Amino acid sequence: MRDQFQGIPVELEEAALVDGLGIWGAFMQIVLPIALPGMVAAFILSLVLCWNEYFFAALLTATNSTTLPVMVASQTGSQGINWWSMAALSTAAIFPLIIVAVFLEKCIIKGMAAGAVK
């Protein structure tokens, strides 16, 4: 995120200040829209890493409170792998992330296309 904000030219902020915007106005109307794709990418990465947290939930929490990744991993037993419940739990674990990605897709594509258009 630091590099994302430092990559924004200072001249854009200065031009906004000359045009009559205040400090917060320049930040909200100029800097934030330029930095939004990087912020969305960082949000998606941190969301996926937190959502799929397995190690902490498997080793350091009580056995009666488990998260979805731990429940998926626990579908193997002495009888073999319970494929149907594993597939259902995997779908339930992935579905919220897909919904978030669909809503934030516009921001990422906008950021990728911003450098291509002059």
PDB file of N, CA and C in Angstrom:
ATOM      1  N   MET A   1       0.824  -1.188   0.000  1.00  0.00           N
ATOM      2  CA  MET A   1       0.000   0.000   0.000  1.00  0.00           C
ATOM      3  C   MET A   1       0.871   1.255   0.000  1.00  0.00           C
ATOM      4  N   ARG A   2       1.988   1.168   0.688  1.00  0.00           N
ATOM      5  CA  ARG A   2       2.876   2.329   0.737  1.00  0.00           C
ATOM      6  C   ARG A   2       3.348   2.694  -0.665  1.00  0.00           C
ATOM      7  N   ASP A   3       3.772   1.697  -1.431  1.00  0.00           N
ATOM      8  CA  ASP A   3       4.230   1.960  -2.793  1.00  0.00           C
ATOM      9  C   ASP A   3       3.091   2.428  -3.690  1.00  0.00           C
ATOM     10  N   GLN A   4       1.894   1.936  -3.422  1.00  0.00           N
ATOM     11  CA  GLN A   4       0.735   2.363  -4.207  1.00  0.00           C
ATOM     12  C   GLN A   4       0.519   3.871  -4.060  1.00  0.00           C
ATOM     13  N   PHE A   5       0.572   4.357  -2.830  1.00  0.00           N
ATOM     14  CA  PHE A   5       0.358   5.786  -2.602  1.00  0.00           C
ATOM     15  C   PHE A   5       1.564   6.622  -3.027  1.00  0.00           C
ATOM     16  N   GLN A   6       2.767   6.085  -2.874  1.00  0.00           N
ATOM     17  CA  GLN A   6       3.947   6.850  -3.289  1.00  0.00           C
ATOM     18  C   GLN A   6       4.088   6.905  -4.802  1.00  0.00           C
ATOM     19  N   GLY A   7       3.446   5.981  -5.513  1.00  0.00           N
ATOM     20  CA  GLY A   7       3.499   5.989  -6.965  1.00  0.00           C
ATOM     21  C   GLY A   7       2.608   7.038  -7.603  1.00  0.00           C
ATOM     22  N   ILE A   8       1.738   7.637  -6.819  1.00  0.00           N
ATOM     23  CA  ILE A   8       0.850   8.681  -7.343  1.00  0.00           C
ATOM     24  C   ILE A   8       1.646   9.982  -7.424  1.00  0.00           C
ATOM     25  N   PRO A   9       1.690  10.609  -8.591  1.00  0.00           N
ATOM     26  CA  PRO A   9       2.485  11.840  -8.732  1.00  0.00           C
ATOM     27  C   PRO A   9       1.977  12.961  -7.822  1.00  0.00           C
ATOM     28  N   VAL A  10       2.908  13.655  -7.212  1.00  0.00           N
ATOM     29  CA  VAL A  10       2.579  14.772  -6.330  1.00  0.00           C
ATOM     30  C   VAL A  10       1.955  15.910  -7.132  1.00  0.00           C
ATOM     31  N   GLU A  11       2.294  15.982  -8.415  1.00  0.00           N
ATOM     32  CA  GLU A  11       1.755  17.041  -9.267  1.00  0.00           C
ATOM     33  C   GLU A  11       0.234  16.976  -9.362  1.00  0.00           C
ATOM     34  N   LEU A  12      -0.329  15.764  -9.294  1.00  0.00           N
ATOM     35  CA  LEU A  12      -1.790  15.641  -9.323  1.00  0.00           C
ATOM     36  C   LEU A  12      -2.421  16.281  -8.092  1.00  0.00           C
ATOM     37  N   GLU A  13      -1.813  16.041  -6.944  1.00  0.00           N
ATOM     38  CA  GLU A  13      -2.326  16.647  -5.712  1.00  0.00           C
ATOM     39  C   GLU A  13      -2.168  18.169  -5.754  1.00  0.00           C
ATOM     40  N   GLU A  14      -1.021  18.621  -6.230  1.00  0.00           N
ATOM     41  CA  GLU A  14      -0.795  20.066  -6.307  1.00  0.00           C
ATOM     42  C   GLU A  14      -1.768  20.726  -7.273  1.00  0.00           C
ATOM     43  N   ALA A  15      -2.053  20.065  -8.391  1.00  0.00           N
ATOM     44  CA  ALA A  15      -3.012  20.616  -9.357  1.00  0.00           C
ATOM     45  C   ALA A  15      -4.409  20.685  -8.752  1.00  0.00           C
ATOM     46  N   ALA A  16      -4.766  19.693  -7.946  1.00  0.00           N
ATOM     47  CA  ALA A  16      -6.075  19.716  -7.287  1.00  0.00           C
ATOM     48  C   ALA A  16      -6.151  20.848  -6.273  1.00  0.00           C
ATOM     49  N   LEU A  17      -5.053  21.101  -5.565  1.00  0.00           N
ATOM     50  CA  LEU A  17      -5.032  22.200  -4.598  1.00  0.00           C
ATOM     51  C   LEU A  17      -5.120  23.548  -5.311  1.00  0.00           C
ATOM     52  N   VAL A  18      -4.456  23.670  -6.449  1.00  0.00           N
ATOM     53  CA  VAL A  18      -4.517  24.915  -7.219  1.00  0.00           C
ATOM     54  C   VAL A  18      -5.925  25.136  -7.760  1.00  0.00           C
ATOM     55  N   ASP A  19      -6.605  24.061  -8.139  1.00  0.00           N
ATOM     56  CA  ASP A  19      -7.966  24.165  -8.679  1.00  0.00           C
ATOM     57  C   ASP A  19      -9.010  24.449  -7.613  1.00  0.00           C
ATOM     58  N   GLY A  20      -8.604  24.514  -6.352  1.00  0.00           N
ATOM     59  CA  GLY A  20      -9.538  24.923  -5.314  1.00  0.00           C
ATOM     60  C   GLY A  20      -9.956  23.839  -4.344  1.00  0.00           C
ATOM     61  N   LEU A  21      -9.484  22.633  -4.514  1.00  0.00           N
ATOM     62  CA  LEU A  21      -9.816  21.588  -3.547  1.00  0.00           C
ATOM     63  C   LEU A  21      -8.951  21.744  -2.302  1.00  0.00           C
ATOM     64  N   GLY A  22      -9.487  21.330  -1.177  1.00  0.00           N
ATOM     65  CA  GLY A  22      -8.703  21.321   0.046  1.00  0.00           C
ATOM     66  C   GLY A  22      -7.868  20.048   0.110  1.00  0.00           C
ATOM     67  N   ILE A  23      -7.186  19.876   1.227  1.00  0.00           N
ATOM     68  CA  ILE A  23      -6.349  18.684   1.405  1.00  0.00           C
ATOM     69  C   ILE A  23      -7.204  17.420   1.340  1.00  0.00           C
ATOM     70  N   TRP A  24      -8.304  17.411   2.107  1.00  0.00           N
ATOM     71  CA  TRP A  24      -9.174  16.236   2.117  1.00  0.00           C
ATOM     72  C   TRP A  24      -9.885  16.050   0.782  1.00  0.00           C
ATOM     73  N   GLY A  25     -10.252  17.133   0.142  1.00  0.00           N
ATOM     74  CA  GLY A  25     -10.889  17.028  -1.167  1.00  0.00           C
ATOM     75  C   GLY A  25      -9.956  16.422  -2.201  1.00  0.00           C
ATOM     76  N   ALA A  26      -8.698  16.843  -2.179  1.00  0.00           N
ATOM     77  CA  ALA A  26      -7.710  16.280  -3.104  1.00  0.00           C
ATOM     78  C   ALA A  26      -7.486  14.801  -2.820  1.00  0.00           C
ATOM     79  N   PHE A  27      -7.466  14.456  -1.543  1.00  0.00           N
ATOM     80  CA  PHE A  27      -7.269  13.052  -1.192  1.00  0.00           C
ATOM     81  C   PHE A  27      -8.456  12.204  -1.630  1.00  0.00           C
ATOM     82  N   MET A  28      -9.663  12.682  -1.329  1.00  0.00           N
ATOM     83  CA  MET A  28     -10.860  11.888  -1.620  1.00  0.00           C
ATOM     84  C   MET A  28     -11.178  11.823  -3.114  1.00  0.00           C
ATOM     85  N   GLN A  29     -10.935  12.904  -3.856  1.00  0.00           N
ATOM     86  CA  GLN A  29     -11.345  12.948  -5.259  1.00  0.00           C
ATOM     87  C   GLN A  29     -10.230  12.617  -6.242  1.00  0.00           C
ATOM     88  N   ILE A  30      -8.988  12.713  -5.823  1.00  0.00           N
ATOM     89  CA  ILE A  30      -7.879  12.465  -6.744  1.00  0.00           C
ATOM     90  C   ILE A  30      -7.082  11.230  -6.324  1.00  0.00           C
ATOM     91  N   VAL A  31      -6.565  11.242  -5.105  1.00  0.00           N
ATOM     92  CA  VAL A  31      -5.643  10.197  -4.673  1.00  0.00           C
ATOM     93  C   VAL A  31      -6.362   8.873  -4.437  1.00  0.00           C
ATOM     94  N   LEU A  32      -7.467   8.908  -3.741  1.00  0.00           N
ATOM     95  CA  LEU A  32      -8.167   7.669  -3.403  1.00  0.00           C
ATOM     96  C   LEU A  32      -8.661   6.901  -4.624  1.00  0.00           C
ATOM     97  N   PRO A  33      -9.265   7.543  -5.625  1.00  0.00           N
ATOM     98  CA  PRO A  33      -9.660   6.770  -6.809  1.00  0.00           C
ATOM     99  C   PRO A  33      -8.482   6.150  -7.564  1.00  0.00           C
ATOM    100  N   ILE A  34      -7.327   6.811  -7.541  1.00  0.00           N
ATOM    101  CA  ILE A  34      -6.156   6.242  -8.210  1.00  0.00           C
ATOM    102  C   ILE A  34      -5.621   5.048  -7.426  1.00  0.00           C
ATOM    103  N   ALA A  35      -5.669   5.109  -6.105  1.00  0.00           N
ATOM    104  CA  ALA A  35      -5.137   4.042  -5.265  1.00  0.00           C
ATOM    105  C   ALA A  35      -6.139   2.919  -5.021  1.00  0.00           C
ATOM    106  N   LEU A  36      -7.380   3.083  -5.439  1.00  0.00           N
ATOM    107  CA  LEU A  36      -8.429   2.103  -5.149  1.00  0.00           C
ATOM    108  C   LEU A  36      -8.129   0.695  -5.664  1.00  0.00           C
ATOM    109  N   PRO A  37      -7.621   0.494  -6.882  1.00  0.00           N
ATOM    110  CA  PRO A  37      -7.335  -0.879  -7.317  1.00  0.00           C
ATOM    111  C   PRO A  37      -6.310  -1.590  -6.436  1.00  0.00           C
ATOM    112  N   GLY A  38      -5.289  -0.887  -5.995  1.00  0.00           N
ATOM    113  CA  GLY A  38      -4.315  -1.493  -5.092  1.00  0.00           C
ATOM    114  C   GLY A  38      -4.912  -1.821  -3.743  1.00  0.00           C
ATOM    115  N   MET A  39      -5.798  -0.949  -3.259  1.00  0.00           N
ATOM    116  CA  MET A  39      -6.461  -1.203  -1.985  1.00  0.00           C
ATOM    117  C   MET A  39      -7.377  -2.416  -2.087  1.00  0.00           C
ATOM    118  N   VAL A  40      -8.076  -2.549  -3.199  1.00  0.00           N
ATOM    119  CA  VAL A  40      -8.965  -3.696  -3.398  1.00  0.00           C
ATOM    120  C   VAL A  40      -8.157  -4.984  -3.493  1.00  0.00           C
ATOM    121  N   ALA A  41      -7.035  -4.953  -4.202  1.00  0.00           N
ATOM    122  CA  ALA A  41      -6.193  -6.143  -4.312  1.00  0.00           C
ATOM    123  C   ALA A  41      -5.647  -6.557  -2.947  1.00  0.00           C
ATOM    124  N   ALA A  42      -5.205  -5.597  -2.150  1.00  0.00           N
ATOM    125  CA  ALA A  42      -4.717  -5.912  -0.804  1.00  0.00           C
ATOM    126  C   ALA A  42      -5.837  -6.462   0.067  1.00  0.00           C
ATOM    127  N   PHE A  43      -7.038  -5.913  -0.071  1.00  0.00           N
ATOM    128  CA  PHE A  43      -8.182  -6.408   0.688  1.00  0.00           C
ATOM    129  C   PHE A  43      -8.511  -7.848   0.315  1.00  0.00           C
ATOM    130  N   ILE A  44      -8.516  -8.153  -0.980  1.00  0.00           N
ATOM    131  CA  ILE A  44      -8.848  -9.514  -1.408  1.00  0.00           C
ATOM    132  C   ILE A  44      -7.794 -10.505  -0.926  1.00  0.00           C
ATOM    133  N   LEU A  45      -6.523 -10.147  -1.029  1.00  0.00           N
ATOM    134  CA  LEU A  45      -5.468 -11.042  -0.551  1.00  0.00           C
ATOM    135  C   LEU A  45      -5.581 -11.295   0.946  1.00  0.00           C
ATOM    136  N   SER A  46      -5.786 -10.258   1.719  1.00  0.00           N
ATOM    137  CA  SER A  46      -5.894 -10.451   3.168  1.00  0.00           C
ATOM    138  C   SER A  46      -7.166 -11.203   3.532  1.00  0.00           C
ATOM    139  N   LEU A  47      -8.257 -10.977   2.800  1.00  0.00           N
ATOM    140  CA  LEU A  47      -9.491 -11.712   3.059  1.00  0.00           C
ATOM    141  C   LEU A  47      -9.316 -13.200   2.807  1.00  0.00           C
ATOM    142  N   VAL A  48      -8.697 -13.553   1.692  1.00  0.00           N
ATOM    143  CA  VAL A  48      -8.499 -14.968   1.373  1.00  0.00           C
ATOM    144  C   VAL A  48      -7.565 -15.618   2.383  1.00  0.00           C
ATOM    145  N   LEU A  49      -6.492 -14.938   2.758  1.00  0.00           N
ATOM    146  CA  LEU A  49      -5.562 -15.515   3.722  1.00  0.00           C
ATOM    147  C   LEU A  49      -6.205 -15.688   5.094  1.00  0.00           C
ATOM    148  N   CYS A  50      -7.020 -14.749   5.510  1.00  0.00           N
ATOM    149  CA  CYS A  50      -7.703 -14.881   6.802  1.00  0.00           C
ATOM    150  C   CYS A  50      -8.809 -15.926   6.743  1.00  0.00           C
ATOM    151  N   TRP A  51      -9.520 -15.975   5.631  1.00  0.00           N
ATOM    152  CA  TRP A  51     -10.640 -16.907   5.495  1.00  0.00           C
ATOM    153  C   TRP A  51     -10.152 -18.351   5.516  1.00  0.00           C
ATOM    154  N   ASN A  52      -9.022 -18.602   4.898  1.00  0.00           N
ATOM    155  CA  ASN A  52      -8.508 -19.962   4.793  1.00  0.00           C
ATOM    156  C   ASN A  52      -7.529 -20.309   5.906  1.00  0.00           C
ATOM    157  N   GLU A  53      -7.524 -19.549   6.960  1.00  0.00           N
ATOM    158  CA  GLU A  53      -6.629 -19.810   8.082  1.00  0.00           C
ATOM    159  C   GLU A  53      -6.921 -21.193   8.653  1.00  0.00           C
ATOM    160  N   TYR A  54      -5.959 -22.063   8.544  1.00  0.00           N
ATOM    161  CA  TYR A  54      -6.143 -23.440   8.998  1.00  0.00           C
ATOM    162  C   TYR A  54      -5.310 -23.750  10.231  1.00  0.00           C
ATOM    163  N   PHE A  55      -4.065 -23.335  10.224  1.00  0.00           N
ATOM    164  CA  PHE A  55      -3.133 -23.714  11.278  1.00  0.00           C
ATOM    165  C   PHE A  55      -3.605 -23.266  12.658  1.00  0.00           C
ATOM    166  N   PHE A  56      -3.984 -22.001  12.788  1.00  0.00           N
ATOM    167  CA  PHE A  56      -4.434 -21.488  14.077  1.00  0.00           C
ATOM    168  C   PHE A  56      -5.698 -22.202  14.540  1.00  0.00           C
ATOM    169  N   ALA A  57      -6.642 -22.373  13.628  1.00  0.00           N
ATOM    170  CA  ALA A  57      -7.914 -22.989  14.004  1.00  0.00           C
ATOM    171  C   ALA A  57      -7.753 -24.463  14.346  1.00  0.00           C
ATOM    172  N   ALA A  58      -6.847 -25.152  13.694  1.00  0.00           N
ATOM    173  CA  ALA A  58      -6.683 -26.585  13.936  1.00  0.00           C
ATOM    174  C   ALA A  58      -5.927 -26.870  15.228  1.00  0.00           C
ATOM    175  N   LEU A  59      -4.947 -26.053  15.545  1.00  0.00           N
ATOM    176  CA  LEU A  59      -4.084 -26.372  16.677  1.00  0.00           C
ATOM    177  C   LEU A  59      -4.374 -25.590  17.948  1.00  0.00           C
ATOM    178  N   LEU A  60      -4.851 -24.377  17.822  1.00  0.00           N
ATOM    179  CA  LEU A  60      -4.916 -23.518  18.990  1.00  0.00           C
ATOM    180  C   LEU A  60      -6.326 -23.187  19.473  1.00  0.00           C
ATOM    181  N   THR A  61      -7.344 -23.783  18.902  1.00  0.00           N
ATOM    182  CA  THR A  61      -8.703 -23.511  19.363  1.00  0.00           C
ATOM    183  C   THR A  61      -9.301 -24.760  19.978  1.00  0.00           C
ATOM    184  N   ALA A  62     -10.425 -24.578  20.629  1.00  0.00           N
ATOM    185  CA  ALA A  62     -11.107 -25.707  21.261  1.00  0.00           C
ATOM    186  C   ALA A  62     -11.673 -26.638  20.192  1.00  0.00           C
ATOM    187  N   THR A  63     -11.864 -27.885  20.562  1.00  0.00           N
ATOM    188  CA  THR A  63     -12.342 -28.868  19.582  1.00  0.00           C
ATOM    189  C   THR A  63     -13.818 -28.697  19.257  1.00  0.00           C
ATOM    190  N   ASN A  64     -14.583 -28.057  20.122  1.00  0.00           N
ATOM    191  CA  ASN A  64     -16.014 -27.892  19.843  1.00  0.00           C
ATOM    192  C   ASN A  64     -16.306 -26.681  18.967  1.00  0.00           C
ATOM    193  N   SER A  65     -15.332 -25.831  18.720  1.00  0.00           N
ATOM    194  CA  SER A  65     -15.534 -24.685  17.830  1.00  0.00           C
ATOM    195  C   SER A  65     -14.511 -24.763  16.701  1.00  0.00           C
ATOM    196  N   THR A  66     -14.972 -25.196  15.546  1.00  0.00           N
ATOM    197  CA  THR A  66     -14.070 -25.352  14.411  1.00  0.00           C
ATOM    198  C   THR A  66     -14.497 -24.441  13.270  1.00  0.00           C
ATOM    199  N   THR A  67     -13.561 -24.114  12.431  1.00  0.00           N
ATOM    200  CA  THR A  67     -13.844 -23.305  11.251  1.00  0.00           C
ATOM    201  C   THR A  67     -14.046 -24.224  10.046  1.00  0.00           C
ATOM    202  N   LEU A  68     -14.489 -23.644   8.932  1.00  0.00           N
ATOM    203  CA  LEU A  68     -14.766 -24.454   7.745  1.00  0.00           C
ATOM    204  C   LEU A  68     -13.542 -25.212   7.221  1.00  0.00           C
ATOM    205  N   PRO A  69     -12.351 -24.613   7.124  1.00  0.00           N
ATOM    206  CA  PRO A  69     -11.207 -25.405   6.654  1.00  0.00           C
ATOM    207  C   PRO A  69     -10.892 -26.599   7.547  1.00  0.00           C
ATOM    208  N   VAL A  70     -11.073 -26.452   8.849  1.00  0.00           N
ATOM    209  CA  VAL A  70     -10.843 -27.572   9.759  1.00  0.00           C
ATOM    210  C   VAL A  70     -11.918 -28.632   9.565  1.00  0.00           C
ATOM    211  N   MET A  71     -13.153 -28.202   9.345  1.00  0.00           N
ATOM    212  CA  MET A  71     -14.232 -29.164   9.108  1.00  0.00           C
ATOM    213  C   MET A  71     -14.010 -29.933   7.808  1.00  0.00           C
ATOM    214  N   VAL A  72     -13.502 -29.259   6.785  1.00  0.00           N
ATOM    215  CA  VAL A  72     -13.213 -29.949   5.522  1.00  0.00           C
ATOM    216  C   VAL A  72     -12.123 -30.989   5.737  1.00  0.00           C
ATOM    217  N   ALA A  73     -11.079 -30.621   6.460  1.00  0.00           N
ATOM    218  CA  ALA A  73      -9.980 -31.557   6.701  1.00  0.00           C
ATOM    219  C   ALA A  73     -10.391 -32.715   7.592  1.00  0.00           C
ATOM    220  N   SER A  74     -11.400 -32.521   8.431  1.00  0.00           N
ATOM    221  CA  SER A  74     -11.812 -33.591   9.345  1.00  0.00           C
ATOM    222  C   SER A  74     -12.759 -34.594   8.703  1.00  0.00           C
ATOM    223  N   GLN A  75     -13.033 -34.470   7.424  1.00  0.00           N
ATOM    224  CA  GLN A  75     -13.930 -35.409   6.755  1.00  0.00           C
ATOM    225  C   GLN A  75     -13.245 -36.719   6.388  1.00  0.00           C
ATOM    226  N   THR A  76     -11.993 -36.857   6.723  1.00  0.00           N
ATOM    227  CA  THR A  76     -11.305 -38.132   6.532  1.00  0.00           C
ATOM    228  C   THR A  76     -11.325 -38.875   7.856  1.00  0.00           C
ATOM    229  N   GLY A  77     -11.626 -40.129   7.793  1.00  0.00           N
ATOM    230  CA  GLY A  77     -11.701 -40.920   9.013  1.00  0.00           C
ATOM    231  C   GLY A  77     -11.283 -42.349   8.748  1.00  0.00           C
ATOM    232  N   SER A  78     -11.584 -43.237   9.678  1.00  0.00           N
ATOM    233  CA  SER A  78     -11.201 -44.637   9.525  1.00  0.00           C
ATOM    234  C   SER A  78     -11.994 -45.328   8.417  1.00  0.00           C
ATOM    235  N   GLN A  79     -13.158 -44.813   8.086  1.00  0.00           N
ATOM    236  CA  GLN A  79     -13.992 -45.377   7.023  1.00  0.00           C
ATOM    237  C   GLN A  79     -13.555 -44.892   5.643  1.00  0.00           C
ATOM    238  N   GLY A  80     -12.680 -43.910   5.581  1.00  0.00           N
ATOM    239  CA  GLY A  80     -12.257 -43.324   4.312  1.00  0.00           C
ATOM    240  C   GLY A  80     -12.654 -41.861   4.265  1.00  0.00           C
ATOM    241  N   ILE A  81     -12.667 -41.328   3.079  1.00  0.00           N
ATOM    242  CA  ILE A  81     -12.989 -39.915   2.897  1.00  0.00           C
ATOM    243  C   ILE A  81     -14.462 -39.777   2.564  1.00  0.00           C
ATOM    244  N   ASN A  82     -15.127 -38.905   3.280  1.00  0.00           N
ATOM    245  CA  ASN A  82     -16.535 -38.613   3.015  1.00  0.00           C
ATOM    246  C   ASN A  82     -16.587 -37.509   1.957  1.00  0.00           C
ATOM    247  N   TRP A  83     -16.592 -37.921   0.690  1.00  0.00           N
ATOM    248  CA  TRP A  83     -16.450 -36.991  -0.421  1.00  0.00           C
ATOM    249  C   TRP A  83     -17.612 -36.026  -0.531  1.00  0.00           C
ATOM    250  N   TRP A  84     -18.833 -36.484  -0.272  1.00  0.00           N
ATOM    251  CA  TRP A  84     -20.000 -35.615  -0.458  1.00  0.00           C
ATOM    252  C   TRP A  84     -20.005 -34.468   0.544  1.00  0.00           C
ATOM    253  N   SER A  85     -19.738 -34.774   1.787  1.00  0.00           N
ATOM    254  CA  SER A  85     -19.720 -33.693   2.778  1.00  0.00           C
ATOM    255  C   SER A  85     -18.505 -32.785   2.585  1.00  0.00           C
ATOM    256  N   MET A  86     -17.389 -33.366   2.124  1.00  0.00           N
ATOM    257  CA  MET A  86     -16.213 -32.547   1.852  1.00  0.00           C
ATOM    258  C   MET A  86     -16.489 -31.579   0.699  1.00  0.00           C
ATOM    259  N   ALA A  87     -17.184 -32.042  -0.321  1.00  0.00           N
ATOM    260  CA  ALA A  87     -17.528 -31.167  -1.446  1.00  0.00           C
ATOM    261  C   ALA A  87     -18.498 -30.074  -1.010  1.00  0.00           C
ATOM    262  N   ALA A  88     -19.474 -30.429  -0.181  1.00  0.00           N
ATOM    263  CA  ALA A  88     -20.441 -29.430   0.291  1.00  0.00           C
ATOM    264  C   ALA A  88     -19.768 -28.388   1.180  1.00  0.00           C
ATOM    265  N   LEU A  89     -18.900 -28.822   2.067  1.00  0.00           N
ATOM    266  CA  LEU A  89     -18.194 -27.877   2.936  1.00  0.00           C
ATOM    267  C   LEU A  89     -17.228 -26.999   2.141  1.00  0.00           C
ATOM    268  N   SER A  90     -16.569 -27.574   1.144  1.00  0.00           N
ATOM    269  CA  SER A  90     -15.666 -26.775   0.307  1.00  0.00           C
ATOM    270  C   SER A  90     -16.431 -25.715  -0.463  1.00  0.00           C
ATOM    271  N   THR A  91     -17.602 -26.078  -0.965  1.00  0.00           N
ATOM    272  CA  THR A  91     -18.438 -25.107  -1.669  1.00  0.00           C
ATOM    273  C   THR A  91     -18.885 -24.000  -0.725  1.00  0.00           C
ATOM    274  N   ALA A  92     -19.275 -24.372   0.488  1.00  0.00           N
ATOM    275  CA  ALA A  92     -19.694 -23.371   1.473  1.00  0.00           C
ATOM    276  C   ALA A  92     -18.531 -22.468   1.874  1.00  0.00           C
ATOM    277  N   ALA A  93     -17.319 -22.999   1.867  1.00  0.00           N
ATOM    278  CA  ALA A  93     -16.155 -22.191   2.236  1.00  0.00           C
ATOM    279  C   ALA A  93     -15.754 -21.228   1.127  1.00  0.00           C
ATOM    280  N   ILE A  94     -15.949 -21.620  -0.119  1.00  0.00           N
ATOM    281  CA  ILE A  94     -15.510 -20.809  -1.250  1.00  0.00           C
ATOM    282  C   ILE A  94     -16.567 -19.795  -1.683  1.00  0.00           C
ATOM    283  N   PHE A  95     -17.826 -20.097  -1.488  1.00  0.00           N
ATOM    284  CA  PHE A  95     -18.918 -19.273  -2.001  1.00  0.00           C
ATOM    285  C   PHE A  95     -18.860 -17.810  -1.552  1.00  0.00           C
ATOM    286  N   PRO A  96     -18.647 -17.486  -0.278  1.00  0.00           N
ATOM    287  CA  PRO A  96     -18.568 -16.064   0.113  1.00  0.00           C
ATOM    288  C   PRO A  96     -17.416 -15.320  -0.559  1.00  0.00           C
ATOM    289  N   LEU A  97     -16.288 -15.999  -0.766  1.00  0.00           N
ATOM    290  CA  LEU A  97     -15.161 -15.351  -1.434  1.00  0.00           C
ATOM    291  C   LEU A  97     -15.477 -15.061  -2.898  1.00  0.00           C
ATOM    292  N   ILE A  98     -16.219 -15.947  -3.531  1.00  0.00           N
ATOM    293  CA  ILE A  98     -16.615 -15.715  -4.924  1.00  0.00           C
ATOM    294  C   ILE A  98     -17.542 -14.513  -5.010  1.00  0.00           C
ATOM    295  N   ILE A  99     -18.470 -14.391  -4.072  1.00  0.00           N
ATOM    296  CA  ILE A  99     -19.395 -13.253  -4.061  1.00  0.00           C
ATOM    297  C   ILE A  99     -18.620 -11.941  -3.909  1.00  0.00           C
ATOM    298  N   VAL A 100     -17.667 -11.902  -2.992  1.00  0.00           N
ATOM    299  CA  VAL A 100     -16.860 -10.689  -2.790  1.00  0.00           C
ATOM    300  C   VAL A 100     -16.051 -10.376  -4.048  1.00  0.00           C
ATOM    301  N   ALA A 101     -15.474 -11.403  -4.667  1.00  0.00           N
ATOM    302  CA  ALA A 101     -14.673 -11.187  -5.874  1.00  0.00           C
ATOM    303  C   ALA A 101     -15.514 -10.650  -7.021  1.00  0.00           C
ATOM    304  N   VAL A 102     -16.745 -11.116  -7.146  1.00  0.00           N
ATOM    305  CA  VAL A 102     -17.620 -10.632  -8.219  1.00  0.00           C
ATOM    306  C   VAL A 102     -17.923  -9.149  -8.031  1.00  0.00           C
ATOM    307  N   PHE A 103     -18.174  -8.742  -6.796  1.00  0.00           N
ATOM    308  CA  PHE A 103     -18.484  -7.336  -6.545  1.00  0.00           C
ATOM    309  C   PHE A 103     -17.268  -6.425  -6.712  1.00  0.00           C
ATOM    310  N   LEU A 104     -16.078  -6.924  -6.417  1.00  0.00           N
ATOM    311  CA  LEU A 104     -14.880  -6.089  -6.488  1.00  0.00           C
ATOM    312  C   LEU A 104     -14.139  -6.219  -7.815  1.00  0.00           C
ATOM    313  N   GLU A 105     -14.670  -7.033  -8.721  1.00  0.00           N
ATOM    314  CA  GLU A 105     -14.014  -7.255 -10.006  1.00  0.00           C
ATOM    315  C   GLU A 105     -13.890  -5.965 -10.814  1.00  0.00           C
ATOM    316  N   LYS A 106     -14.903  -5.110 -10.746  1.00  0.00           N
ATOM    317  CA  LYS A 106     -14.884  -3.851 -11.498  1.00  0.00           C
ATOM    318  C   LYS A 106     -13.697  -2.983 -11.102  1.00  0.00           C
ATOM    319  N   CYS A 107     -13.417  -2.928  -9.817  1.00  0.00           N
ATOM    320  CA  CYS A 107     -12.323  -2.078  -9.337  1.00  0.00           C
ATOM    321  C   CYS A 107     -10.975  -2.587  -9.826  1.00  0.00           C
ATOM    322  N   ILE A 108     -10.801  -3.890  -9.842  1.00  0.00           N
ATOM    323  CA  ILE A 108      -9.520  -4.448 -10.269  1.00  0.00           C
ATOM    324  C   ILE A 108      -9.327  -4.261 -11.767  1.00  0.00           C
ATOM    325  N   ILE A 109     -10.359  -4.512 -12.554  1.00  0.00           N
ATOM    326  CA  ILE A 109     -10.248  -4.343 -14.001  1.00  0.00           C
ATOM    327  C   ILE A 109     -10.020  -2.875 -14.347  1.00  0.00           C
ATOM    328  N   LYS A 110     -10.671  -1.980 -13.622  1.00  0.00           N
ATOM    329  CA  LYS A 110     -10.475  -0.543 -13.845  1.00  0.00           C
ATOM    330  C   LYS A 110      -9.021  -0.155 -13.591  1.00  0.00           C
ATOM    331  N   GLY A 111      -8.422  -0.720 -12.559  1.00  0.00           N
ATOM    332  CA  GLY A 111      -7.029  -0.422 -12.246  1.00  0.00           C
ATOM    333  C   GLY A 111      -6.064  -1.004 -13.258  1.00  0.00           C
ATOM    334  N   MET A 112      -6.369  -2.194 -13.787  1.00  0.00           N
ATOM    335  CA  MET A 112      -5.492  -2.788 -14.791  1.00  0.00           C
ATOM    336  C   MET A 112      -5.575  -2.028 -16.105  1.00  0.00           C
ATOM    337  N   ALA A 113      -6.746  -1.524 -16.431  1.00  0.00           N
ATOM    338  CA  ALA A 113      -6.922  -0.811 -17.694  1.00  0.00           C
ATOM    339  C   ALA A 113      -6.459   0.641 -17.613  1.00  0.00           C
ATOM    340  N   ALA A 114      -6.275   1.165 -16.415  1.00  0.00           N
ATOM    341  CA  ALA A 114      -5.910   2.579 -16.268  1.00  0.00           C
ATOM    342  C   ALA A 114      -4.546   2.883 -16.869  1.00  0.00           C
ATOM    343  N   GLY A 115      -3.616   1.961 -16.766  1.00  0.00           N
ATOM    344  CA  GLY A 115      -2.293   2.198 -17.321  1.00  0.00           C
ATOM    345  C   GLY A 115      -2.225   2.004 -18.824  1.00  0.00           C
ATOM    346  N   ALA A 116      -3.217   1.326 -19.395  1.00  0.00           N
ATOM    347  CA  ALA A 116      -3.186   1.034 -20.822  1.00  0.00           C
ATOM    348  C   ALA A 116      -3.762   2.165 -21.663  1.00  0.00           C
ATOM    349  N   VAL A 117      -4.597   2.992 -21.080  1.00  0.00           N
ATOM    350  CA  VAL A 117      -5.259   4.056 -21.828  1.00  0.00           C
ATOM    351  C   VAL A 117      -4.531   5.365 -21.583  1.00  0.00           C
ATOM    352  N   LYS A 118      -4.267   6.078 -22.650  1.00  0.00           N
ATOM    353  CA  LYS A 118      -3.557   7.345 -22.494  1.00  0.00           C
ATOM    354  C   LYS A 118      -4.491   8.499 -22.615  1.00  0.00           C
TER     355      LYS A 118
END
